[in-house]
Amino acid sequence: MSTPERTRSADSTVSIGTHQVGTGERVFVIAEAGVNHDGQVERAFRLVDIAADAGADAVKFQLFNAADLVESSAPLADYQRKSCRHTSQLAMLASLELGADAMGRIREHCDRRGIMFLATPFGPKQVDDLVNLGVEAIKIASTDLTDTLLLDRAIATGLPLILSTGASTATEIGTTVSSLERVGAGGRLILMHCVSCYPTPLDSINLRAIASLTRDTGLLCGLSDHTTSTDTGAWAVAAGACLLEKHFTFDREATGPDHAMSLAPDELSAYVTGVRAVERALGDGTIGLAECAKEVRQVASKSVFTTVDIPSGTSLTSEMLTLKRPGVGLAPDSLQDIVRRKTSVEINANTMLTWDMLT
């Protein structure tokens, strides 16, 4: 993957609304509603509620015009053919289409629930519609990583760009990143490792690619997760992801292209809970004594004790001293300083030494 000189470090952050996304920051979790509203606004409201109740930071939909997006003879993917009643991609997408007005109503419901509204645009007009709706970022689907018309319009918004990579080669990823950085968009770009297989088997998710993308591009990276596992988000955070996107639904048995590979409401809650637990477990990387370890240090560490009765004025030798618990007195590494000092008072055997006993 060939990219030009980096415009920023992967240790920096990108602002998405009031959220700081990046290394050391709280992982940003997008609950991907996609088209699981089945073309019904009320179901979209229900999905917003599920995402908000699960603790996601944002809920994301898809904004497209089916007739503009797909030619009438375009076939369905295998996973779509198995899970929906339509015989063409155009018919399927037409049944799932919600326009800008509907998205505006969904945005208002997101505001009521206190969760960020996002949507993936599939054409330049949809980018403009989302800007008019006041979105905080533009998410580009992995199948559009080489769509220069869409990318140019997205770049022009000045908004943060979240770019999935699942349907692209390493060369295409490198070329697109280079193009975005040449026009100054690198500082607001987050890449999403993604495997465009629905659902993605665990042995294909390749979480090490998150670190590889970060290393090769110098950009912040996350995971667009198409597995049906509730654990992969937590694993991805441990692998370095700063942003997660996960499909969810109100019913995995519902008819539609994405329901079967999406998480049920309780599974989405478990997914977010696992992510937050791993965040806490990873900590801030500081090396040294943790606050919670101080009691054990005192109880189980050792201090300098005497082994015999020692008269005042005696020059101490190593034979007169030993190390015992607890560790609340003179530390073991003070032995060399203690030896050859004289006692200033009479000291009984099995006494914990203090500096005021010595001269």
Foldseek 3Di string as FASTA:
>chain_A
DDADDDPDFQQAWADQDPATFGPPGAFAEEAEAELQLQQDLVQLLVVLVLCLVLPHQAYEYAAEDLPVQDDFAAADDPLQVVFADDGHPSVQVNRRHDHLVSLLVSCVSNVVSVHAYYYEYDALVVLVSVVVSPGREYEYEQVCLPVVRNVVSRVVSVHAYEYENAVHDPVSVNVSLNVCVVVPNQVRYEYAYEHPDAQDDPVRSPLLVQVVCCVNRSHAYAYEHQALDLQVLLVSVVSRHRYYYFYAHCALNDGGSRSVSHHHSVSSSSSVVSNVVSSVVVPDPDDDDDPVCVVVLQFPFWAKFFAAWDAFFDQAAPNRIDIDDGNPAHHPVCVVVRHRWTAHHTDGGGDGDHPVRTD
